[in-house]
Amino acid sequence: MGCGSSVVTQGNMPHLCGLKLECDMTYEQKYLIRETVDNRECVNEKDFLAWRYVCELAAIFLNMHPGLQTYFSEFKHIKIDNINGSHGHPRRLLMAIDNAVTALGDSDSFSAYLVELGRRHHGMNFRPGPTHFNDLRKCFLSVIKEILATASLWDFQVEEAWNRLFDSITAMMLRGIQLAKLNAFRSCFISVVHEILAMAYLWDPEVEQAWNRLFDYITISMLRGIQLAKE
């Protein structure tokens, strides 16, 4: 679903300037997340999430949303129970979560990475919504709970920390999807304006920059409005 492994900075994404994009987690919760990941060697698995658990995560989610299977080319022609280690998307999903955990100490990198991840998902036929993110959270927590509980690394505080992390991941990826929608409209609108003004020789780089600046302001204002409406 467009999950990537690179971490970007907010400075590379001017549309994020002036927006409140914070990870709503306490220092203690961030510490618990990192401790959970750092202690993965205590779990009797080669990886924090071995392939058995990775495939289980994908299968649980797709069983909750069977209609989504056709959007994944690698799953399209197989039974959900036949998902195995040769399929890459579950691993990319976990890499994205791991990247988010890695960036927890840097609010700008954390938010920019997840917003960009959401923006990339907008370009696909399937665009995840709040329900998909919430169900993915349930699947992921059920899988890691099974792993960590066996090593006595799971309790209420750990569960709450992972839930808070998913709250932030969801909010920022949905922000990225919203941003992509607004930018798609910007591109269409400016292409029309360009065609009209160019015929009258009224289009040049300065005019183009002015229209883009206007849409920067519109984008930030609309995203702020969406943010305030949810607070």
Protein backbone atom coordinates (compact mmCIF):
# COMPACT_ATOMS: atom_id res chain seq x y z
CA MET A 1 0.00 0.00 0.00
CA GLY A 2 2.86 2.35 -0.71
CA CYS A 3 4.65 1.72 2.58
CA GLY A 4 8.22 2.93 2.31
CA SER A 5 11.40 2.87 4.34
CA SER A 6 12.72 6.41 3.99
CA VAL A 7 12.37 9.10 6.62
CA VAL A 8 11.82 12.68 5.44
CA THR A 9 11.99 15.93 7.33
CA GLN A 10 9.27 18.52 7.73
CA GLY A 11 11.57 21.09 6.17
CA ASN A 12 11.17 19.29 2.84
CA MET A 13 7.38 19.63 3.02
CA PRO A 14 6.46 23.35 3.06
CA HIS A 15 2.72 22.60 3.23
CA LEU A 16 3.25 21.35 6.79
CA CYS A 17 4.62 24.67 8.06
CA GLY A 18 2.34 26.27 10.62
CA LEU A 19 0.32 23.12 11.20
CA LYS A 20 0.09 21.42 14.58
CA LEU A 21 1.55 18.00 13.89
CA GLU A 22 2.57 16.44 17.18
CA CYS A 23 2.93 12.92 18.45
CA ASP A 24 0.45 12.80 21.32
CA MET A 25 2.56 10.59 23.55
CA THR A 26 4.29 11.16 26.85
CA TYR A 27 8.02 10.65 27.27
CA GLU A 28 7.25 7.53 29.34
CA GLN A 29 5.09 6.07 26.57
CA LYS A 30 7.77 6.68 23.96
CA TYR A 31 10.26 4.99 26.28
CA LEU A 32 7.97 1.95 26.64
CA ILE A 33 7.66 1.64 22.86
CA ARG A 34 11.42 1.73 22.40
CA GLU A 35 11.96 -0.66 25.31
CA THR A 36 9.47 -3.08 23.76
CA VAL A 37 11.38 -3.03 20.48
CA ASP A 38 14.84 -3.04 22.11
CA ASN A 39 13.94 -6.09 24.18
CA ARG A 40 12.90 -8.14 21.19
CA GLU A 41 15.88 -10.44 21.78
CA CYS A 42 14.04 -11.63 24.91
CA VAL A 43 11.41 -13.14 22.64
CA ASN A 44 12.14 -16.60 21.27
CA GLU A 45 11.83 -15.44 17.68
CA LYS A 46 14.47 -14.65 15.10
CA ASP A 47 12.75 -11.32 14.46
CA PHE A 48 10.52 -9.14 16.61
CA LEU A 49 7.79 -10.21 14.22
CA ALA A 50 8.84 -13.44 12.51
CA TRP A 51 7.28 -14.34 9.18
CA ARG A 52 4.67 -16.47 10.92
CA TYR A 53 3.38 -13.41 12.74
CA VAL A 54 3.78 -11.09 9.74
CA CYS A 55 1.58 -13.35 7.62
CA GLU A 56 -0.87 -13.75 10.48
CA LEU A 57 -1.21 -9.96 10.68
CA ALA A 58 -2.00 -9.70 6.96
CA ALA A 59 -4.45 -12.60 7.08
CA ILE A 60 -6.37 -11.20 10.07
CA PHE A 61 -6.70 -7.78 8.42
CA LEU A 62 -7.80 -9.13 5.04
CA ASN A 63 -10.32 -11.45 6.67
CA MET A 64 -11.81 -8.34 8.31
CA HIS A 65 -11.84 -6.56 4.92
CA PRO A 66 -11.98 -9.27 2.22
CA GLY A 67 -12.94 -6.75 -0.44
CA LEU A 68 -9.49 -5.17 -0.17
CA GLN A 69 -7.65 -8.27 -1.34
CA THR A 70 -8.07 -7.33 -5.00
CA TYR A 71 -6.17 -4.07 -4.42
CA PHE A 72 -2.98 -5.97 -3.60
CA SER A 73 -1.52 -7.51 -6.73
CA GLU A 74 0.47 -10.08 -4.76
CA PHE A 75 -2.66 -11.30 -2.92
CA LYS A 76 -5.17 -10.99 -5.76
CA HIS A 77 -5.09 -14.57 -7.01
CA ILE A 78 -4.42 -16.52 -3.82
CA LYS A 79 -6.38 -17.52 -0.76
CA ILE A 80 -5.80 -15.34 2.28
CA ASP A 81 -4.57 -18.35 4.26
CA ASN A 82 -1.85 -18.88 1.64
CA ILE A 83 -0.09 -15.58 2.35
CA ASN A 84 3.53 -16.44 3.11
CA GLY A 85 7.06 -15.11 3.34
CA SER A 86 7.32 -14.55 -0.40
CA HIS A 87 4.83 -11.67 -0.19
CA GLY A 88 6.47 -8.33 0.51
CA HIS A 89 3.73 -5.96 1.60
CA PRO A 90 3.32 -7.22 5.19
CA ARG A 91 7.06 -6.74 5.70
CA ARG A 92 6.90 -3.23 4.23
CA LEU A 93 4.07 -2.41 6.61
CA LEU A 94 6.16 -3.46 9.58
CA MET A 95 9.16 -1.54 8.23
CA ALA A 96 6.94 1.57 8.15
CA ILE A 97 5.95 1.02 11.79
CA ASP A 98 9.59 0.44 12.70
CA ASN A 99 10.54 3.69 10.94
CA ALA A 100 7.88 5.53 12.92
CA VAL A 101 9.30 4.12 16.17
CA THR A 102 12.83 5.11 15.09
CA ALA A 103 11.68 8.69 14.45
CA LEU A 104 9.84 9.06 17.77
CA GLY A 105 12.64 11.18 19.23
CA ASP A 106 12.33 13.78 16.45
CA SER A 107 8.83 15.23 16.17
CA ASP A 108 9.47 16.86 12.79
CA SER A 109 10.84 13.69 11.20
CA PHE A 110 8.12 11.57 12.79
CA SER A 111 5.25 13.71 11.50
CA ALA A 112 6.78 14.40 8.08
CA TYR A 113 7.51 10.71 7.45
CA LEU A 114 3.95 9.65 8.27
CA VAL A 115 2.30 12.53 6.39
CA GLU A 116 4.38 11.66 3.32
CA LEU A 117 3.45 7.99 3.74
CA GLY A 118 -0.22 8.97 3.77
CA ARG A 119 0.27 11.20 0.72
CA ARG A 120 1.73 8.28 -1.24
CA HIS A 121 -1.28 6.12 -0.39
CA HIS A 122 -3.58 8.69 -2.00
CA GLY A 123 -2.24 7.83 -5.44
CA MET A 124 -3.53 4.26 -5.31
CA ASN A 125 -6.94 2.85 -6.20
CA PHE A 126 -7.52 1.99 -2.55
CA ARG A 127 -7.28 4.85 -0.07
CA PRO A 128 -7.35 3.77 3.58
CA GLY A 129 -9.76 5.52 5.92
CA PRO A 130 -10.15 5.72 9.73
CA THR A 131 -11.90 2.33 9.91
CA HIS A 132 -9.03 0.59 8.10
CA PHE A 133 -6.44 2.17 10.38
CA ASN A 134 -8.41 1.22 13.48
CA ASP A 135 -8.79 -2.38 12.34
CA LEU A 136 -5.11 -2.56 11.42
CA ARG A 137 -4.33 -1.37 14.95
CA LYS A 138 -6.44 -4.20 16.40
CA CYS A 139 -4.67 -6.76 14.20
CA PHE A 140 -1.20 -5.49 15.03
CA LEU A 141 -1.81 -5.30 18.78
CA SER A 142 -3.32 -8.80 18.88
CA VAL A 143 -0.19 -10.16 17.16
CA ILE A 144 2.44 -8.37 19.24
CA LYS A 145 0.53 -9.07 22.44
CA GLU A 146 0.86 -12.78 21.73
CA ILE A 147 4.61 -12.38 21.22
CA LEU A 148 5.40 -10.07 24.12
CA ALA A 149 3.15 -11.71 26.67
CA THR A 150 5.22 -14.89 26.42
CA ALA A 151 8.27 -12.86 27.55
CA SER A 152 6.33 -10.98 30.27
CA LEU A 153 6.76 -7.73 28.31
CA TRP A 154 3.07 -6.90 27.98
CA ASP A 155 0.94 -4.95 30.45
CA PHE A 156 -1.65 -2.17 30.47
CA GLN A 157 0.97 0.59 30.14
CA VAL A 158 2.62 -1.06 27.12
CA GLU A 159 -0.77 -1.57 25.48
CA GLU A 160 -1.71 2.08 26.08
CA ALA A 161 1.62 3.26 24.64
CA TRP A 162 1.13 1.26 21.43
CA ASN A 163 -2.43 2.54 21.14
CA ARG A 164 -1.21 6.13 21.45
CA LEU A 165 1.42 5.45 18.79
CA PHE A 166 -1.26 4.17 16.42
CA ASP A 167 -3.41 7.22 17.21
CA SER A 168 -0.57 9.43 15.98
CA ILE A 169 0.20 7.24 12.96
CA THR A 170 -3.46 7.30 11.94
CA ALA A 171 -3.89 11.06 12.40
CA MET A 172 -0.76 11.94 10.43
CA MET A 173 -1.31 9.50 7.58
CA LEU A 174 -4.89 10.74 7.18
CA ARG A 175 -3.47 14.27 7.13
CA GLY A 176 -1.18 13.20 4.29
CA ILE A 177 -4.15 11.80 2.35
CA GLN A 178 -6.04 15.08 2.86
CA LEU A 179 -3.00 17.03 1.72
CA ALA A 180 -2.69 14.90 -1.42
CA LYS A 181 -6.36 15.54 -2.29
CA LEU A 182 -5.85 19.30 -1.99
CA ASN A 183 -2.65 19.18 -4.04
CA ALA A 184 -4.39 17.17 -6.77
CA PHE A 185 -7.04 19.88 -6.97
CA ARG A 186 -4.29 22.53 -7.06
CA SER A 187 -2.64 20.86 -10.05
CA CYS A 188 -5.90 20.62 -11.99
CA PHE A 189 -6.93 24.19 -11.22
CA ILE A 190 -3.57 25.77 -12.04
CA SER A 191 -3.33 23.83 -15.31
CA VAL A 192 -6.68 25.35 -16.37
CA VAL A 193 -5.66 28.86 -15.29
CA HIS A 194 -2.36 28.43 -17.11
CA GLU A 195 -4.12 27.45 -20.33
CA ILE A 196 -6.44 30.49 -20.15
CA LEU A 197 -3.81 33.07 -19.20
CA ALA A 198 -1.16 31.75 -21.57
CA MET A 199 -3.45 32.51 -24.53
CA ALA A 200 -3.45 36.15 -23.42
CA TYR A 201 0.29 36.13 -22.72
CA LEU A 202 -0.44 36.69 -19.01
CA TRP A 203 1.40 33.63 -17.71
CA ASP A 204 5.00 33.65 -16.56
CA PRO A 205 7.02 32.14 -13.67
CA GLU A 206 6.05 34.96 -11.31
CA VAL A 207 2.34 34.48 -11.99
CA GLU A 208 2.73 30.74 -11.51
CA GLN A 209 4.55 31.27 -8.23
CA ALA A 210 1.82 33.65 -7.05
CA TRP A 211 -0.91 31.10 -7.74
CA ASN A 212 1.07 28.40 -5.98
CA ARG A 213 1.57 30.67 -2.96
CA LEU A 214 -2.17 31.27 -2.88
CA PHE A 215 -2.82 27.54 -2.87
CA ASP A 216 -0.22 27.06 -0.12
CA TYR A 217 -2.28 29.45 1.99
CA ILE A 218 -5.57 27.74 1.04
CA THR A 219 -4.12 24.29 1.80
CA ILE A 220 -2.79 25.28 5.23
CA SER A 221 -6.01 27.11 6.12
CA MET A 222 -8.19 24.15 5.16
CA LEU A 223 -6.03 21.65 7.01
CA ARG A 224 -6.07 23.90 10.07
CA GLY A 225 -9.86 24.06 9.81
CA ILE A 226 -10.08 20.25 9.66
CA GLN A 227 -7.73 20.02 12.63
CA LEU A 228 -9.73 22.51 14.73
CA ALA A 229 -13.00 20.75 13.90
CA LYS A 230 -11.61 17.52 15.38
CA GLU A 231 -10.27 19.12 18.58
